[in-house]
Every structure is written in structure tokens, then in C-alpha cells.
Amino acid sequence: MHHYYNKLLLFIAIMFALFVASPAHASGSGGDRITLDSISAGGGHIYLWSSRYSNPDSCASSAVMVIPSNTPGLELQMSIAMTAIASGKPVSIWVDGCVGAPWFANIPKVVDLWLHAN
């Protein structure tokens, strides 16, 4: 039964990603395929933790990235991140610059997040 719920959660996240259009971005970088170590929330923001992110914008830290609270589709991206953690599946992340953070001078700002099947 537990296996069924994991597959259902993964299916729902993929369907959301397919049916909700992501905004087009003229700038930014990324597309790294990584596994998230953890996610956290604070101040309305979602923080994605991974020791394997390449940090293409050379932010002060790449151990954590932020999805700011004013990001369109914040709830969808949070759902994708939670599904990635629960399933152990990799994600790809598109970032656009660096923003201030409580723990570091600045960290990558996530603008798009997508889940891979394997």
C-alpha cells in the first residue's frame, strides 16, 4: 500500500508540472540534475538543500537555494520538491541570480524546478 501512495504522489506532481505553464526566462542558468538532501521553509520562502549543486551564478553558497515567497507557482514548486525528497528522484533547477539569505551573504534564487522520473 505504501508503494502505491508513493507512485500516486509522484504521478500528481508530474501532472501538475505538465499542466501548469512555467514562465519563460530570458536570463538565468542551470538545469543541473541533482538530488535534494532536504527542504525547509521560513519567512514564507522554501529552501532547497543539496551538496551537489554547481552554482553557475557564483553565489556565496550553493549548499542551499531559495524559492522566494513571491515566486509564481510557489506551491507547485514546493510540491515538486517534497515529491523529490519522498521518492528520492532527481530534480533539475533553473536559477536567476543570487539573493540574500539568513545564513549566507547570498544564495541562488530558483525560478524553475522540475522532477525527473529516474
Protein backbone atom coordinates (compact mmCIF):
# COMPACT_ATOMS: atom_id res chain seq x y z
CA MET A 1 0.00 0.00 0.00
CA HIS A 2 2.88 2.40 0.85
CA HIS A 3 4.36 1.84 -2.63
CA TYR A 4 1.00 2.79 -4.17
CA TYR A 5 0.94 6.16 -2.34
CA ASN A 6 4.50 6.99 -3.45
CA LYS A 7 3.54 6.35 -7.06
CA LEU A 8 0.33 8.36 -6.68
CA LEU A 9 2.21 11.31 -5.19
CA LEU A 10 4.78 11.17 -7.98
CA PHE A 11 2.02 11.00 -10.62
CA ILE A 12 0.22 14.03 -9.15
CA ALA A 13 3.40 16.11 -9.08
CA ILE A 14 4.22 15.21 -12.68
CA MET A 15 0.69 16.05 -13.82
CA PHE A 16 0.90 19.46 -12.12
CA ALA A 17 4.23 20.10 -13.84
CA LEU A 18 2.78 19.17 -17.23
CA PHE A 19 -0.39 21.24 -16.95
CA VAL A 20 0.94 24.41 -15.32
CA ALA A 21 2.96 26.54 -17.70
CA SER A 22 6.27 27.79 -16.38
CA PRO A 23 7.14 31.38 -17.18
CA ALA A 24 9.73 31.90 -19.90
CA HIS A 25 13.03 33.26 -18.64
CA ALA A 26 15.32 35.35 -20.79
CA SER A 27 18.08 35.18 -18.21
CA GLY A 28 19.27 32.67 -15.68
CA SER A 29 21.24 29.48 -15.75
CA GLY A 30 21.21 25.95 -14.54
CA GLY A 31 19.41 22.82 -15.49
CA ASP A 32 21.63 20.78 -13.17
CA ARG A 33 20.19 17.36 -12.40
CA ILE A 34 20.62 16.93 -8.65
CA THR A 35 19.20 15.03 -5.70
CA LEU A 36 17.85 17.20 -2.89
CA ASP A 37 19.22 16.49 0.57
CA SER A 38 16.40 18.31 2.36
CA ILE A 39 13.88 21.13 2.10
CA SER A 40 12.89 23.71 4.67
CA ALA A 41 10.59 26.71 4.95
CA GLY A 42 10.98 30.03 6.70
CA GLY A 43 9.56 33.51 6.29
CA GLY A 44 7.31 32.24 3.51
CA HIS A 45 10.32 31.08 1.46
CA ILE A 46 11.19 27.48 0.53
CA TYR A 47 14.83 26.43 0.90
CA LEU A 48 16.28 23.53 -1.12
CA TRP A 49 19.43 21.92 0.29
CA SER A 50 21.82 19.93 -1.89
CA SER A 51 25.54 19.28 -1.68
CA ARG A 52 25.68 18.59 -5.43
CA TYR A 53 24.62 21.92 -6.99
CA SER A 54 27.16 23.52 -9.37
CA ASN A 55 26.30 27.20 -8.56
CA PRO A 56 26.53 28.66 -12.10
CA ASP A 57 25.88 32.23 -10.89
CA SER A 58 28.74 32.06 -8.34
CA CYS A 59 26.60 32.91 -5.32
CA ALA A 60 28.28 32.96 -1.90
CA SER A 61 26.87 29.49 -1.16
CA SER A 62 25.50 26.66 -3.22
CA ALA A 63 24.59 24.38 -0.30
CA VAL A 64 21.14 25.95 -0.21
CA MET A 65 18.90 27.59 -2.83
CA VAL A 66 15.73 29.61 -2.26
CA ILE A 67 12.32 29.75 -3.89
CA PRO A 68 11.22 33.23 -2.75
CA SER A 69 7.74 33.67 -1.29
CA ASN A 70 6.69 35.89 -4.23
CA THR A 71 7.53 33.24 -6.87
CA PRO A 72 4.59 32.43 -9.17
CA GLY A 73 3.69 28.77 -8.62
CA LEU A 74 5.44 28.58 -5.23
CA GLU A 75 3.06 25.86 -4.03
CA LEU A 76 3.64 23.80 -7.15
CA GLN A 77 7.42 24.03 -6.80
CA MET A 78 7.12 23.09 -3.12
CA SER A 79 5.03 20.06 -4.14
CA ILE A 80 7.68 19.01 -6.66
CA ALA A 81 10.45 19.40 -4.05
CA MET A 82 8.51 17.37 -1.48
CA THR A 83 7.85 14.65 -4.05
CA ALA A 84 11.55 14.57 -4.93
CA ILE A 85 12.51 14.13 -1.28
CA ALA A 86 9.85 11.44 -0.68
CA SER A 87 10.70 9.47 -3.81
CA GLY A 88 14.47 10.03 -3.95
CA LYS A 89 14.08 11.16 -7.57
CA PRO A 90 16.38 13.85 -9.02
CA VAL A 91 15.26 17.36 -9.96
CA SER A 92 16.62 19.97 -12.31
CA ILE A 93 16.80 23.57 -11.16
CA TRP A 94 16.91 26.83 -13.12
CA VAL A 95 18.24 29.81 -11.17
CA ASP A 96 18.32 33.53 -11.90
CA GLY A 97 20.90 35.34 -9.83
CA CYS A 98 21.61 35.44 -6.13
CA VAL A 99 19.54 36.80 -3.23
CA GLY A 100 20.30 37.48 0.42
CA ALA A 101 19.73 34.71 2.94
CA PRO A 102 19.78 34.36 6.73
CA TRP A 103 22.79 32.01 6.69
CA PHE A 104 24.97 33.32 3.84
CA ALA A 105 25.64 36.62 2.06
CA ASN A 106 23.63 35.32 -0.89
CA ILE A 107 22.29 32.09 -2.37
CA PRO A 108 20.88 31.02 -5.76
CA LYS A 109 17.29 32.13 -6.48
CA VAL A 110 15.27 29.27 -8.00
CA VAL A 111 12.84 30.23 -10.77
CA ASP A 112 12.01 26.78 -12.21
CA LEU A 113 12.12 23.29 -10.78
CA TRP A 114 11.25 20.02 -12.47
CA LEU A 115 11.17 16.41 -11.38
CA HIS A 116 12.77 13.50 -13.27
CA ALA A 117 11.26 10.04 -13.38
CA ASN A 118 14.70 8.47 -12.80
